[in-house]
Amino acid sequence: MEIHQDNQGLEYTISNSSSVEQFEKLVLSFMGYKPDVGAKLKALLAEDPSMPMGLCMKGYLAKMMGLKALHPRALAISETLTDEKYKQLSHRESLHIQALEVWCSGNLKKTVDIWEEILLHYPLDSIALRLAYFNHFYSGDARRMRDSLIRVLPYWDSTHPHYGYVLGLYSFALEECSDFQAAEQYGREAVQINPEDAWSVHAVAHVMESQERHQEGIQWLFDLEESWTTVNNFRFHLHWHQCLFLMEEGDYKLVLDLYDRILVSDLDSDFYLDLCNAASLLWRLELHGVEIGERWKVLLEAAQRRIEDRDLVFASLHYLMVLVAAGDDQSISRIMDEFKQWASSDDTQGWVMRRVGMTLANVLIDIRQGRPNHAFQNLFDIRYEIDLIGGSIAQRDLFSMLLLDVAGQASQHLAMRALGTERITLRPSSQWARMQYGQALEHTKDQFKARPSIYPDPDN
């Protein structure tokens, strides 16, 4: 094997002269959520089966799927890369191999530290950047996600083929830090560079969701839909955002139509986010008083397949949502046993499960099984720690909605009034929030009238 450089000066150990070019095309597809990532990787390894970064990428992709069945594959690749013939690699390649090994051990904190070390030396390493970002995101750490980008941005410019994607990553991180103006600026620039950049389209949609610009959000996604539907299953998450906007506009019929036609059209692919999208949307619809029929049961088989997965607490809680909503007591018992074992482990997500995951799991069960007082108190106690499960502010907002709703179920009307006040301050246009707040005022016989300067009337 020989060491060759790509167009950005990054070194690769290869056995085939075309491997670097093939790898560059693979990473471009990876950054763009393209559906041909697997095919490109397979073609690369067919011609250069010992390429260290090719094998490492295969391990990384297996880990990103979050499937228990793929853990042995990632671990086997990691063990292969510790063979003597891989000892004399470039510094960057050696660090990537180390990162895969540590990721397989479950120590996400150390894994991210290694990727960040790679970026200190090689700020144009898109793989390290994207993977560190992914894991910052699922640690609920928006500042680290943002700062990881800030540290490398001075080294990037428009001549790099991934430049637009990096702007899009930065845009979303800014949005999660509530810097909406800058987030929208960078996101729109990224989309102008490449309208097929679904993550950047998604970042701007998040800004509009955060600012309650529902009609703009609907139009933004609709106008670009032909471009962003070229990506892999991540496109369903953008349809999920369409549904959030439409729900706030009260168009439940169209939300259900998008859900039935699109959101659950590829559950057999076992992409974890598809199930998260579906579960959270159905629960939101129910909170809005929409009858969803037998739709929970349609998700049941997909959720049952993921009971033993132990990668992301965020995702596993969504699998539990399906099980409890469908009333599958046997599966609930199984997944709770898994959660307890996971919480007793030493890995990073095990700590998250121990800290907040078990409580949230019990909250979901208590809500569905008619124990609102237990659910309210436990959810209220950890409300400021829920960020630890990761996901976006918009995704985690479901738990804020649940807290407000279950406060009413538990007849905690003063708490409901306070929580309603919080919500309509942050979301003054939300009819659902105003309805909840109104119910709380009615129960407390409170004659307080919200001052328009604090709670603006969305109709004026």
Foldseek 3Di string as FASTA:
>chain_A
DDWDADPQGDIWDWDDPCLNVLVVVLVLQVLQQFPCNVVSLVVSCVVTVPTLVSLLVVLVVLLLQLAPVSLVVNQVSLVVCVDPVNPPDDPLSVLSSVLSNVVSVQAVVVSLVSLLVSCVVVVPPSVSLVVNLVVCQQQLNLVCQLVSLVVSVVVDDPVDSCRLSSLLSNLQSCVLVVVLVSSLVSLVVSCVVPLLRLSSLVSNLSSCVQVVVLVVSLVSCVVSVVRPVSHPLCSLVSVLSNLVSVVQVVNVVVSLVCCVPPLCPPLVVSRLVSLLSNLLSVVVCVLVVHDPPCVLVVCLVSLLSRLLRDNALSSVLSSLSSCLVNVVVVSLVSSLVNLVVLCPDDHDRVVVSVPQSNLSSVLSNCVSVPNLVSNLVSLVVCVVVVSSRGDGPVSCCSSLSVNLVSCVVVVVLVVNLVSLLVVLQSVLSRPSSVVSNVVSCVSVVPPDDDDCVRRPHPVD
